[in-house]
mmCIF file of all heavy atoms, coordinates in Angstrom:
data_MODEL
# 
_entry.id   MODEL 
# 
loop_
_atom_site.group_PDB 
_atom_site.id 
_atom_site.type_symbol 
_atom_site.label_atom_id 
_atom_site.label_alt_id 
_atom_site.label_comp_id 
_atom_site.label_asym_id 
_atom_site.label_entity_id 
_atom_site.label_seq_id 
_atom_site.pdbx_PDB_ins_code 
_atom_site.Cartn_x 
_atom_site.Cartn_y 
_atom_site.Cartn_z 
_atom_site.occupancy 
_atom_site.B_iso_or_equiv 
_atom_site.pdbx_formal_charge 
_atom_site.auth_seq_id 
_atom_site.auth_comp_id 
_atom_site.auth_asym_id 
_atom_site.auth_atom_id 
_atom_site.pdbx_PDB_model_num 
ATOM 1   N N   . PHE A 1 1  ? -4.000  12.255 -1.584  1.00 0.00 ? 1  PHE A N   1 
ATOM 2   C CA  . PHE A 1 1  ? -3.598  10.853 -1.696  1.00 0.00 ? 1  PHE A CA  1 
ATOM 3   C C   . PHE A 1 1  ? -3.592  10.184 -0.326  1.00 0.00 ? 1  PHE A C   1 
ATOM 4   O O   . PHE A 1 1  ? -4.037  9.033  -0.179  1.00 0.00 ? 1  PHE A O   1 
ATOM 5   C CB  . PHE A 1 1  ? -2.216  10.734 -2.335  1.00 0.00 ? 1  PHE A CB  1 
ATOM 6   C CG  . PHE A 1 1  ? -1.776  9.315  -2.531  1.00 0.00 ? 1  PHE A CG  1 
ATOM 7   C CD1 . PHE A 1 1  ? -2.111  8.626  -3.679  1.00 0.00 ? 1  PHE A CD1 1 
ATOM 8   C CD2 . PHE A 1 1  ? -1.054  8.657  -1.531  1.00 0.00 ? 1  PHE A CD2 1 
ATOM 9   C CE1 . PHE A 1 1  ? -1.721  7.295  -3.838  1.00 0.00 ? 1  PHE A CE1 1 
ATOM 10  C CE2 . PHE A 1 1  ? -0.669  7.334  -1.690  1.00 0.00 ? 1  PHE A CE2 1 
ATOM 11  C CZ  . PHE A 1 1  ? -1.008  6.654  -2.848  1.00 0.00 ? 1  PHE A CZ  1 
ATOM 12  N N   . ASP A 1 2  ? -3.081  10.894 0.679   1.00 0.00 ? 2  ASP A N   1 
ATOM 13  C CA  . ASP A 1 2  ? -3.056  10.314 2.018   1.00 0.00 ? 2  ASP A CA  1 
ATOM 14  C C   . ASP A 1 2  ? -4.467  10.053 2.532   1.00 0.00 ? 2  ASP A C   1 
ATOM 15  O O   . ASP A 1 2  ? -4.700  9.071  3.263   1.00 0.00 ? 2  ASP A O   1 
ATOM 16  C CB  . ASP A 1 2  ? -2.291  11.233 2.974   1.00 0.00 ? 2  ASP A CB  1 
ATOM 17  C CG  . ASP A 1 2  ? -0.795  11.247 2.687   1.00 0.00 ? 2  ASP A CG  1 
ATOM 18  O OD1 . ASP A 1 2  ? -0.297  10.278 2.072   1.00 0.00 ? 2  ASP A OD1 1 
ATOM 19  O OD2 . ASP A 1 2  ? -0.124  12.229 3.063   1.00 0.00 ? 2  ASP A OD2 1 
ATOM 20  N N   . GLU A 1 3  ? -5.418  10.924 2.189   1.00 0.00 ? 3  GLU A N   1 
ATOM 21  C CA  . GLU A 1 3  ? -6.808  10.701 2.554   1.00 0.00 ? 3  GLU A CA  1 
ATOM 22  C C   . GLU A 1 3  ? -7.332  9.432  1.873   1.00 0.00 ? 3  GLU A C   1 
ATOM 23  O O   . GLU A 1 3  ? -8.022  8.610  2.494   1.00 0.00 ? 3  GLU A O   1 
ATOM 24  C CB  . GLU A 1 3  ? -7.659  11.912 2.156   1.00 0.00 ? 3  GLU A CB  1 
ATOM 25  C CG  . GLU A 1 3  ? -9.159  11.745 2.335   1.00 0.00 ? 3  GLU A CG  1 
ATOM 26  C CD  . GLU A 1 3  ? -9.602  11.789 3.782   1.00 0.00 ? 3  GLU A CD  1 
ATOM 27  O OE1 . GLU A 1 3  ? -8.761  12.087 4.652   1.00 0.00 ? 3  GLU A OE1 1 
ATOM 28  O OE2 . GLU A 1 3  ? -10.791 11.529 4.047   1.00 0.00 ? 3  GLU A OE2 1 
ATOM 29  N N   . PHE A 1 4  ? -7.004  9.283  0.583   1.00 0.00 ? 4  PHE A N   1 
ATOM 30  C CA  . PHE A 1 4  ? -7.417  8.075  -0.134  1.00 0.00 ? 4  PHE A CA  1 
ATOM 31  C C   . PHE A 1 4  ? -6.809  6.828  0.508   1.00 0.00 ? 4  PHE A C   1 
ATOM 32  O O   . PHE A 1 4  ? -7.501  5.828  0.742   1.00 0.00 ? 4  PHE A O   1 
ATOM 33  C CB  . PHE A 1 4  ? -6.998  8.163  -1.601  1.00 0.00 ? 4  PHE A CB  1 
ATOM 34  C CG  . PHE A 1 4  ? -7.047  6.849  -2.321  1.00 0.00 ? 4  PHE A CG  1 
ATOM 35  C CD1 . PHE A 1 4  ? -8.261  6.314  -2.747  1.00 0.00 ? 4  PHE A CD1 1 
ATOM 36  C CD2 . PHE A 1 4  ? -5.882  6.111  -2.539  1.00 0.00 ? 4  PHE A CD2 1 
ATOM 37  C CE1 . PHE A 1 4  ? -8.313  5.084  -3.391  1.00 0.00 ? 4  PHE A CE1 1 
ATOM 38  C CE2 . PHE A 1 4  ? -5.931  4.884  -3.177  1.00 0.00 ? 4  PHE A CE2 1 
ATOM 39  C CZ  . PHE A 1 4  ? -7.153  4.375  -3.611  1.00 0.00 ? 4  PHE A CZ  1 
ATOM 40  N N   . ALA A 1 5  ? -5.508  6.870  0.789   1.00 0.00 ? 5  ALA A N   1 
ATOM 41  C CA  . ALA A 1 5  ? -4.823  5.714  1.360   1.00 0.00 ? 5  ALA A CA  1 
ATOM 42  C C   . ALA A 1 5  ? -5.441  5.312  2.692   1.00 0.00 ? 5  ALA A C   1 
ATOM 43  O O   . ALA A 1 5  ? -5.612  4.122  2.989   1.00 0.00 ? 5  ALA A O   1 
ATOM 44  C CB  . ALA A 1 5  ? -3.338  6.028  1.536   1.00 0.00 ? 5  ALA A CB  1 
ATOM 45  N N   . HIS A 1 6  ? -5.779  6.300  3.494   1.00 0.00 ? 6  HIS A N   1 
ATOM 46  C CA  . HIS A 1 6  ? -6.416  6.024  4.784   1.00 0.00 ? 6  HIS A CA  1 
ATOM 47  C C   . HIS A 1 6  ? -7.775  5.359  4.591   1.00 0.00 ? 6  HIS A C   1 
ATOM 48  O O   . HIS A 1 6  ? -8.105  4.387  5.286   1.00 0.00 ? 6  HIS A O   1 
ATOM 49  C CB  . HIS A 1 6  ? -6.560  7.321  5.574   1.00 0.00 ? 6  HIS A CB  1 
ATOM 50  C CG  . HIS A 1 6  ? -7.421  7.202  6.785   1.00 0.00 ? 6  HIS A CG  1 
ATOM 51  N ND1 . HIS A 1 6  ? -7.032  6.510  7.918   1.00 0.00 ? 6  HIS A ND1 1 
ATOM 52  C CD2 . HIS A 1 6  ? -8.677  7.680  7.047   1.00 0.00 ? 6  HIS A CD2 1 
ATOM 53  C CE1 . HIS A 1 6  ? -7.994  6.567  8.821   1.00 0.00 ? 6  HIS A CE1 1 
ATOM 54  N NE2 . HIS A 1 6  ? -9.003  7.264  8.319   1.00 0.00 ? 6  HIS A NE2 1 
ATOM 55  N N   . ARG A 1 7  ? -8.562  5.856  3.634   1.00 0.00 ? 7  ARG A N   1 
ATOM 56  C CA  . ARG A 1 7  ? -9.915  5.337  3.441   1.00 0.00 ? 7  ARG A CA  1 
ATOM 57  C C   . ARG A 1 7  ? -9.921  3.918  2.875   1.00 0.00 ? 7  ARG A C   1 
ATOM 58  O O   . ARG A 1 7  ? -10.769 3.104  3.230   1.00 0.00 ? 7  ARG A O   1 
ATOM 59  C CB  . ARG A 1 7  ? -10.682 6.256  2.495   1.00 0.00 ? 7  ARG A CB  1 
ATOM 60  C CG  . ARG A 1 7  ? -10.914 7.655  3.044   1.00 0.00 ? 7  ARG A CG  1 
ATOM 61  C CD  . ARG A 1 7  ? -12.149 7.711  3.900   1.00 0.00 ? 7  ARG A CD  1 
ATOM 62  N NE  . ARG A 1 7  ? -12.310 9.023  4.518   1.00 0.00 ? 7  ARG A NE  1 
ATOM 63  C CZ  . ARG A 1 7  ? -13.380 9.388  5.205   1.00 0.00 ? 7  ARG A CZ  1 
ATOM 64  N NH1 . ARG A 1 7  ? -14.382 8.529  5.347   1.00 0.00 ? 7  ARG A NH1 1 
ATOM 65  N NH2 . ARG A 1 7  ? -13.452 10.575 5.750   1.00 0.00 ? 7  ARG A NH2 1 
ATOM 66  N N   . ILE A 1 8  ? -8.995  3.639  1.971   1.00 0.00 ? 8  ILE A N   1 
ATOM 67  C CA  . ILE A 1 8  ? -9.017  2.320  1.318   1.00 0.00 ? 8  ILE A CA  1 
ATOM 68  C C   . ILE A 1 8  ? -8.166  1.299  2.072   1.00 0.00 ? 8  ILE A C   1 
ATOM 69  O O   . ILE A 1 8  ? -8.270  0.099  1.848   1.00 0.00 ? 8  ILE A O   1 
ATOM 70  C CB  . ILE A 1 8  ? -8.556  2.421  -0.152  1.00 0.00 ? 8  ILE A CB  1 
ATOM 71  C CG1 . ILE A 1 8  ? -9.127  1.228  -0.946  1.00 0.00 ? 8  ILE A CG1 1 
ATOM 72  C CG2 . ILE A 1 8  ? -7.044  2.513  -0.254  1.00 0.00 ? 8  ILE A CG2 1 
ATOM 73  C CD1 . ILE A 1 8  ? -8.958  1.344  -2.440  1.00 0.00 ? 8  ILE A CD1 1 
ATOM 74  N N   . GLY A 1 9  ? -7.284  1.812  2.969   1.00 0.00 ? 9  GLY A N   1 
ATOM 75  C CA  . GLY A 1 9  ? -6.509  0.906  3.802   1.00 0.00 ? 9  GLY A CA  1 
ATOM 76  C C   . GLY A 1 9  ? -5.199  0.454  3.207   1.00 0.00 ? 9  GLY A C   1 
ATOM 77  O O   . GLY A 1 9  ? -4.669  -0.589 3.599   1.00 0.00 ? 9  GLY A O   1 
ATOM 78  N N   . THR A 1 10 ? -4.645  1.215  2.297   1.00 0.00 ? 10 THR A N   1 
ATOM 79  C CA  . THR A 1 10 ? -3.362  0.853  1.701   1.00 0.00 ? 10 THR A CA  1 
ATOM 80  C C   . THR A 1 10 ? -2.225  1.407  2.540   1.00 0.00 ? 10 THR A C   1 
ATOM 81  O O   . THR A 1 10 ? -2.346  2.449  3.187   1.00 0.00 ? 10 THR A O   1 
ATOM 82  C CB  . THR A 1 10 ? -3.258  1.370  0.258   1.00 0.00 ? 10 THR A CB  1 
ATOM 83  O OG1 . THR A 1 10 ? -2.074  0.861  -0.344  1.00 0.00 ? 10 THR A OG1 1 
ATOM 84  C CG2 . THR A 1 10 ? -3.205  2.891  0.219   1.00 0.00 ? 10 THR A CG2 1 
ATOM 85  N N   . SER A 1 11 ? -1.103  0.727  2.529   1.00 0.00 ? 11 SER A N   1 
ATOM 86  C CA  . SER A 1 11 ? 0.029   1.139  3.361   1.00 0.00 ? 11 SER A CA  1 
ATOM 87  C C   . SER A 1 11 ? 0.904   2.189  2.695   1.00 0.00 ? 11 SER A C   1 
ATOM 88  O O   . SER A 1 11 ? 1.703   2.852  3.353   1.00 0.00 ? 11 SER A O   1 
ATOM 89  C CB  . SER A 1 11 ? 0.892   -0.084 3.706   1.00 0.00 ? 11 SER A CB  1 
ATOM 90  O OG  . SER A 1 11 ? 1.375   -0.698 2.516   1.00 0.00 ? 11 SER A OG  1 
ATOM 91  N N   . ILE A 1 12 ? 0.755   2.372  1.391   1.00 0.00 ? 12 ILE A N   1 
ATOM 92  C CA  . ILE A 1 12 ? 1.588   3.331  0.668   1.00 0.00 ? 12 ILE A CA  1 
ATOM 93  C C   . ILE A 1 12 ? 1.191   4.745  1.061   1.00 0.00 ? 12 ILE A C   1 
ATOM 94  O O   . ILE A 1 12 ? 0.033   5.021  1.367   1.00 0.00 ? 12 ILE A O   1 
ATOM 95  C CB  . ILE A 1 12 ? 1.460   3.124  -0.860  1.00 0.00 ? 12 ILE A CB  1 
ATOM 96  C CG1 . ILE A 1 12 ? 2.643   3.749  -1.592  1.00 0.00 ? 12 ILE A CG1 1 
ATOM 97  C CG2 . ILE A 1 12 ? 0.153   3.699  -1.370  1.00 0.00 ? 12 ILE A CG2 1 
ATOM 98  C CD1 . ILE A 1 12 ? 3.870   2.913  -1.528  1.00 0.00 ? 12 ILE A CD1 1 
ATOM 99  N N   . THR A 1 13 ? 2.135   5.665  1.077   1.00 0.00 ? 13 THR A N   1 
ATOM 100 C CA  . THR A 1 13 ? 1.859   7.067  1.418   1.00 0.00 ? 13 THR A CA  1 
ATOM 101 C C   . THR A 1 13 ? 2.269   7.956  0.258   1.00 0.00 ? 13 THR A C   1 
ATOM 102 O O   . THR A 1 13 ? 2.908   7.511  -0.699  1.00 0.00 ? 13 THR A O   1 
ATOM 103 C CB  . THR A 1 13 ? 2.634   7.494  2.669   1.00 0.00 ? 13 THR A CB  1 
ATOM 104 O OG1 . THR A 1 13 ? 4.038   7.512  2.357   1.00 0.00 ? 13 THR A OG1 1 
ATOM 105 C CG2 . THR A 1 13 ? 2.363   6.557  3.834   1.00 0.00 ? 13 THR A CG2 1 
ATOM 106 N N   . SER A 1 14 ? 1.915   9.240  0.362   1.00 0.00 ? 14 SER A N   1 
ATOM 107 C CA  . SER A 1 14 ? 2.252   10.183 -0.699  1.00 0.00 ? 14 SER A CA  1 
ATOM 108 C C   . SER A 1 14 ? 3.760   10.334 -0.854  1.00 0.00 ? 14 SER A C   1 
ATOM 109 O O   . SER A 1 14 ? 4.244   10.707 -1.923  1.00 0.00 ? 14 SER A O   1 
ATOM 110 C CB  . SER A 1 14 ? 1.615   11.547 -0.408  1.00 0.00 ? 14 SER A CB  1 
ATOM 111 O OG  . SER A 1 14 ? 2.046   12.029 0.858   1.00 0.00 ? 14 SER A OG  1 
ATOM 112 N N   . LYS A 1 15 ? 4.514   10.025 0.208   1.00 0.00 ? 15 LYS A N   1 
ATOM 113 C CA  . LYS A 1 15 ? 5.967   10.161 0.135   1.00 0.00 ? 15 LYS A CA  1 
ATOM 114 C C   . LYS A 1 15 ? 6.622   8.988  -0.587  1.00 0.00 ? 15 LYS A C   1 
ATOM 115 O O   . LYS A 1 15 ? 7.676   9.133  -1.189  1.00 0.00 ? 15 LYS A O   1 
ATOM 116 C CB  . LYS A 1 15 ? 6.540   10.291 1.544   1.00 0.00 ? 15 LYS A CB  1 
ATOM 117 C CG  . LYS A 1 15 ? 6.153   11.587 2.257   1.00 0.00 ? 15 LYS A CG  1 
ATOM 118 C CD  . LYS A 1 15 ? 6.806   11.686 3.627   1.00 0.00 ? 15 LYS A CD  1 
ATOM 119 C CE  . LYS A 1 15 ? 6.439   12.991 4.309   1.00 0.00 ? 15 LYS A CE  1 
ATOM 120 N NZ  . LYS A 1 15 ? 7.061   13.107 5.667   1.00 0.00 ? 15 LYS A NZ  1 
ATOM 121 N N   . SER A 1 16 ? 5.995   7.827  -0.524  1.00 0.00 ? 16 SER A N   1 
ATOM 122 C CA  . SER A 1 16 ? 6.605   6.639  -1.128  1.00 0.00 ? 16 SER A CA  1 
ATOM 123 C C   . SER A 1 16 ? 5.950   6.219  -2.439  1.00 0.00 ? 16 SER A C   1 
ATOM 124 O O   . SER A 1 16 ? 6.444   5.305  -3.110  1.00 0.00 ? 16 SER A O   1 
ATOM 125 C CB  . SER A 1 16 ? 6.541   5.468  -0.148  1.00 0.00 ? 16 SER A CB  1 
ATOM 126 O OG  . SER A 1 16 ? 5.200   5.197  0.239   1.00 0.00 ? 16 SER A OG  1 
ATOM 127 N N   . ARG A 1 17 ? 4.870   6.902  -2.823  1.00 0.00 ? 17 ARG A N   1 
ATOM 128 C CA  . ARG A 1 17 ? 4.127   6.451  -3.999  1.00 0.00 ? 17 ARG A CA  1 
ATOM 129 C C   . ARG A 1 17 ? 4.890   6.637  -5.305  1.00 0.00 ? 17 ARG A C   1 
ATOM 130 O O   . ARG A 1 17 ? 4.594   5.987  -6.299  1.00 0.00 ? 17 ARG A O   1 
ATOM 131 C CB  . ARG A 1 17 ? 2.791   7.181  -4.104  1.00 0.00 ? 17 ARG A CB  1 
ATOM 132 C CG  . ARG A 1 17 ? 2.905   8.661  -4.443  1.00 0.00 ? 17 ARG A CG  1 
ATOM 133 C CD  . ARG A 1 17 ? 1.555   9.308  -4.627  1.00 0.00 ? 17 ARG A CD  1 
ATOM 134 N NE  . ARG A 1 17 ? 1.678   10.742 -4.911  1.00 0.00 ? 17 ARG A NE  1 
ATOM 135 C CZ  . ARG A 1 17 ? 0.655   11.537 -5.192  1.00 0.00 ? 17 ARG A CZ  1 
ATOM 136 N NH1 . ARG A 1 17 ? -0.571  11.048 -5.220  1.00 0.00 ? 17 ARG A NH1 1 
ATOM 137 N NH2 . ARG A 1 17 ? 0.851   12.811 -5.432  1.00 0.00 ? 17 ARG A NH2 1 
ATOM 138 N N   . ASN A 1 18 ? 5.854   7.554  -5.343  1.00 0.00 ? 18 ASN A N   1 
ATOM 139 C CA  . ASN A 1 18 ? 6.542   7.855  -6.606  1.00 0.00 ? 18 ASN A CA  1 
ATOM 140 C C   . ASN A 1 18 ? 7.581   6.807  -6.993  1.00 0.00 ? 18 ASN A C   1 
ATOM 141 O O   . ASN A 1 18 ? 8.193   6.918  -8.060  1.00 0.00 ? 18 ASN A O   1 
ATOM 142 C CB  . ASN A 1 18 ? 7.198   9.239  -6.533  1.00 0.00 ? 18 ASN A CB  1 
ATOM 143 C CG  . ASN A 1 18 ? 6.162   10.353 -6.532  1.00 0.00 ? 18 ASN A CG  1 
ATOM 144 O OD1 . ASN A 1 18 ? 5.110   10.233 -7.134  1.00 0.00 ? 18 ASN A OD1 1 
ATOM 145 N ND2 . ASN A 1 18 ? 6.462   11.440 -5.829  1.00 0.00 ? 18 ASN A ND2 1 
ATOM 146 N N   . ASP A 1 19 ? 7.795   5.842  -6.155  1.00 0.00 ? 19 ASP A N   1 
ATOM 147 C CA  . ASP A 1 19 ? 8.721   4.760  -6.487  1.00 0.00 ? 19 ASP A CA  1 
ATOM 148 C C   . ASP A 1 19 ? 8.028   3.837  -7.488  1.00 0.00 ? 19 ASP A C   1 
ATOM 149 O O   . ASP A 1 19 ? 7.124   3.082  -7.137  1.00 0.00 ? 19 ASP A O   1 
ATOM 150 C CB  . ASP A 1 19 ? 9.106   3.996  -5.220  1.00 0.00 ? 19 ASP A CB  1 
ATOM 151 C CG  . ASP A 1 19 ? 10.164  2.929  -5.485  1.00 0.00 ? 19 ASP A CG  1 
ATOM 152 O OD1 . ASP A 1 19 ? 10.463  2.664  -6.668  1.00 0.00 ? 19 ASP A OD1 1 
ATOM 153 O OD2 . ASP A 1 19 ? 10.665  2.354  -4.507  1.00 0.00 ? 19 ASP A OD2 1 
ATOM 154 N N   . ARG A 1 20 ? 8.454   3.919  -8.744  1.00 0.00 ? 20 ARG A N   1 
ATOM 155 C CA  . ARG A 1 20 ? 7.803   3.146  -9.796  1.00 0.00 ? 20 ARG A CA  1 
ATOM 156 C C   . ARG A 1 20 ? 7.845   1.647  -9.539  1.00 0.00 ? 20 ARG A C   1 
ATOM 157 O O   . ARG A 1 20 ? 7.026   0.900  -10.096 1.00 0.00 ? 20 ARG A O   1 
ATOM 158 C CB  . ARG A 1 20 ? 8.450   3.462  -11.154 1.00 0.00 ? 20 ARG A CB  1 
ATOM 159 C CG  . ARG A 1 20 ? 8.070   4.838  -11.701 1.00 0.00 ? 20 ARG A CG  1 
ATOM 160 C CD  . ARG A 1 20 ? 8.749   5.104  -13.034 1.00 0.00 ? 20 ARG A CD  1 
ATOM 161 N NE  . ARG A 1 20 ? 8.302   6.364  -13.624 1.00 0.00 ? 20 ARG A NE  1 
ATOM 162 C CZ  . ARG A 1 20 ? 7.315   6.468  -14.509 1.00 0.00 ? 20 ARG A CZ  1 
ATOM 163 N NH1 . ARG A 1 20 ? 6.671   5.375  -14.901 1.00 0.00 ? 20 ARG A NH1 1 
ATOM 164 N NH2 . ARG A 1 20 ? 6.969   7.638  -15.003 1.00 0.00 ? 20 ARG A NH2 1 
ATOM 165 N N   . ALA A 1 21 ? 8.763   1.216  -8.713  1.00 0.00 ? 21 ALA A N   1 
ATOM 166 C CA  . ALA A 1 21 ? 8.852   -0.214 -8.425  1.00 0.00 ? 21 ALA A CA  1 
ATOM 167 C C   . ALA A 1 21 ? 7.594   -0.702 -7.705  1.00 0.00 ? 21 ALA A C   1 
ATOM 168 O O   . ALA A 1 21 ? 7.292   -1.905 -7.736  1.00 0.00 ? 21 ALA A O   1 
ATOM 169 C CB  . ALA A 1 21 ? 10.088  -0.500 -7.569  1.00 0.00 ? 21 ALA A CB  1 
ATOM 170 N N   . ASN A 1 22 ? 6.857   0.223  -7.078  1.00 0.00 ? 22 ASN A N   1 
ATOM 171 C CA  . ASN A 1 22 ? 5.647   -0.159 -6.339  1.00 0.00 ? 22 ASN A CA  1 
ATOM 172 C C   . ASN A 1 22 ? 4.381   -0.117 -7.199  1.00 0.00 ? 22 ASN A C   1 
ATOM 173 O O   . ASN A 1 22 ? 3.331   -0.603 -6.762  1.00 0.00 ? 22 ASN A O   1 
ATOM 174 C CB  . ASN A 1 22 ? 5.432   0.785  -5.151  1.00 0.00 ? 22 ASN A CB  1 
ATOM 175 C CG  . ASN A 1 22 ? 6.545   0.687  -4.125  1.00 0.00 ? 22 ASN A CG  1 
ATOM 176 O OD1 . ASN A 1 22 ? 7.105   -0.381 -3.915  1.00 0.00 ? 22 ASN A OD1 1 
ATOM 177 N ND2 . ASN A 1 22 ? 6.858   1.817  -3.481  1.00 0.00 ? 22 ASN A ND2 1 
ATOM 178 N N   . TRP A 1 23 ? 4.475   0.468  -8.382  1.00 0.00 ? 23 TRP A N   1 
ATOM 179 C CA  . TRP A 1 23 ? 3.255   0.774  -9.122  1.00 0.00 ? 23 TRP A CA  1 
ATOM 180 C C   . TRP A 1 23 ? 2.477   -0.466 -9.556  1.00 0.00 ? 23 TRP A C   1 
ATOM 181 O O   . TRP A 1 23 ? 1.250   -0.502 -9.473  1.00 0.00 ? 23 TRP A O   1 
ATOM 182 C CB  . TRP A 1 23 ? 3.580   1.640  -10.336 1.00 0.00 ? 23 TRP A CB  1 
ATOM 183 C CG  . TRP A 1 23 ? 3.916   3.062  -9.949  1.00 0.00 ? 23 TRP A CG  1 
ATOM 184 C CD1 . TRP A 1 23 ? 4.120   3.536  -8.687  1.00 0.00 ? 23 TRP A CD1 1 
ATOM 185 C CD2 . TRP A 1 23 ? 4.090   4.174  -10.814 1.00 0.00 ? 23 TRP A CD2 1 
ATOM 186 N NE1 . TRP A 1 23 ? 4.415   4.878  -8.710  1.00 0.00 ? 23 TRP A NE1 1 
ATOM 187 C CE2 . TRP A 1 23 ? 4.400   5.295  -10.014 1.00 0.00 ? 23 TRP A CE2 1 
ATOM 188 C CE3 . TRP A 1 23 ? 4.036   4.337  -12.198 1.00 0.00 ? 23 TRP A CE3 1 
ATOM 189 C CZ2 . TRP A 1 23 ? 4.633   6.556  -10.553 1.00 0.00 ? 23 TRP A CZ2 1 
ATOM 190 C CZ3 . TRP A 1 23 ? 4.274   5.590  -12.732 1.00 0.00 ? 23 TRP A CZ3 1 
ATOM 191 C CH2 . TRP A 1 23 ? 4.561   6.697  -11.920 1.00 0.00 ? 23 TRP A CH2 1 
ATOM 192 N N   . SER A 1 24 ? 3.166   -1.470 -10.025 1.00 0.00 ? 24 SER A N   1 
ATOM 193 C CA  . SER A 1 24 ? 2.477   -2.669 -10.483 1.00 0.00 ? 24 SER A CA  1 
ATOM 194 C C   . SER A 1 24 ? 1.719   -3.328 -9.335  1.00 0.00 ? 24 SER A C   1 
ATOM 195 O O   . SER A 1 24 ? 0.556   -3.724 -9.477  1.00 0.00 ? 24 SER A O   1 
ATOM 196 C CB  . SER A 1 24 ? 3.484   -3.655 -11.076 1.00 0.00 ? 24 SER A CB  1 
ATOM 197 O OG  . SER A 1 24 ? 2.830   -4.834 -11.493 1.00 0.00 ? 24 SER A OG  1 
ATOM 198 N N   . ALA A 1 25 ? 2.365   -3.413 -8.167  1.00 0.00 ? 25 ALA A N   1 
ATOM 199 C CA  . ALA A 1 25 ? 1.707   -4.011 -7.005  1.00 0.00 ? 25 ALA A CA  1 
ATOM 200 C C   . ALA A 1 25 ? 0.549   -3.152 -6.519  1.00 0.00 ? 25 ALA A C   1 
ATOM 201 O O   . ALA A 1 25 ? -0.494  -3.674 -6.108  1.00 0.00 ? 25 ALA A O   1 
ATOM 202 C CB  . ALA A 1 25 ? 2.727   -4.216 -5.883  1.00 0.00 ? 25 ALA A CB  1 
ATOM 203 N N   . LEU A 1 26 ? 0.727   -1.826 -6.574  1.00 0.00 ? 26 LEU A N   1 
ATOM 204 C CA  . LEU A 1 26 ? -0.341  -0.921 -6.162  1.00 0.00 ? 26 LEU A CA  1 
ATOM 205 C C   . LEU A 1 26 ? -1.567  -1.072 -7.049  1.00 0.00 ? 26 LEU A C   1 
ATOM 206 O O   . LEU A 1 26 ? -2.697  -1.163 -6.557  1.00 0.00 ? 26 LEU A O   1 
ATOM 207 C CB  . LEU A 1 26 ? 0.144   0.527  -6.223  1.00 0.00 ? 26 LEU A CB  1 
ATOM 208 C CG  . LEU A 1 26 ? 0.848   1.099  -5.001  1.00 0.00 ? 26 LEU A CG  1 
ATOM 209 C CD1 . LEU A 1 26 ? 1.248   2.550  -5.269  1.00 0.00 ? 26 LEU A CD1 1 
ATOM 210 C CD2 . LEU A 1 26 ? -0.043  1.019  -3.782  1.00 0.00 ? 26 LEU A CD2 1 
ATOM 211 N N   . ARG A 1 27 ? -1.343  -1.089 -8.335  1.00 0.00 ? 27 ARG A N   1 
ATOM 212 C CA  . ARG A 1 27 ? -2.467  -1.213 -9.279  1.00 0.00 ? 27 ARG A CA  1 
ATOM 213 C C   . ARG A 1 27 ? -3.212  -2.529 -9.058  1.00 0.00 ? 27 ARG A C   1 
ATOM 214 O O   . ARG A 1 27 ? -4.446  -2.570 -9.092  1.00 0.00 ? 27 ARG A O   1 
ATOM 215 C CB  . ARG A 1 27 ? -1.962  -1.104 -10.715 1.00 0.00 ? 27 ARG A CB  1 
ATOM 216 C CG  . ARG A 1 27 ? -3.056  -0.742 -11.727 1.00 0.00 ? 27 ARG A CG  1 
ATOM 217 C CD  . ARG A 1 27 ? -2.485  -0.685 -13.135 1.00 0.00 ? 27 ARG A CD  1 
ATOM 218 N NE  . ARG A 1 27 ? -1.514  0.368  -13.331 1.00 0.00 ? 27 ARG A NE  1 
ATOM 219 C CZ  . ARG A 1 27 ? -1.809  1.634  -13.656 1.00 0.00 ? 27 ARG A CZ  1 
ATOM 220 N NH1 . ARG A 1 27 ? -3.078  1.987  -13.786 1.00 0.00 ? 27 ARG A NH1 1 
ATOM 221 N NH2 . ARG A 1 27 ? -0.853  2.528  -13.827 1.00 0.00 ? 27 ARG A NH2 1 
ATOM 222 N N   . GLU A 1 28 ? -2.465  -3.586 -8.814  1.00 0.00 ? 28 GLU A N   1 
ATOM 223 C CA  . GLU A 1 28 ? -3.094  -4.884 -8.569  1.00 0.00 ? 28 GLU A CA  1 
ATOM 224 C C   . GLU A 1 28 ? -3.873  -4.865 -7.257  1.00 0.00 ? 28 GLU A C   1 
ATOM 225 O O   . GLU A 1 28 ? -5.006  -5.373 -7.175  1.00 0.00 ? 28 GLU A O   1 
ATOM 226 C CB  . GLU A 1 28 ? -2.031  -5.976 -8.533  1.00 0.00 ? 28 GLU A CB  1 
ATOM 227 C CG  . GLU A 1 28 ? -2.600  -7.374 -8.357  1.00 0.00 ? 28 GLU A CG  1 
ATOM 228 C CD  . GLU A 1 28 ? -1.525  -8.455 -8.412  1.00 0.00 ? 28 GLU A CD  1 
ATOM 229 O OE1 . GLU A 1 28 ? -0.373  -8.124 -8.753  1.00 0.00 ? 28 GLU A OE1 1 
ATOM 230 O OE2 . GLU A 1 28 ? -1.852  -9.616 -8.113  1.00 0.00 ? 28 GLU A OE2 1 
# 
C-alpha cells in the first residue's frame, strides 16, 4: 500500500488507511 501511495501521490499511509472516516474521500 505504501508503494501504491508513493506512486499515485496520496498522503494516506498504511497506518492511517484503516480509519473508515477517510474512505469516502480516498475513493473520490
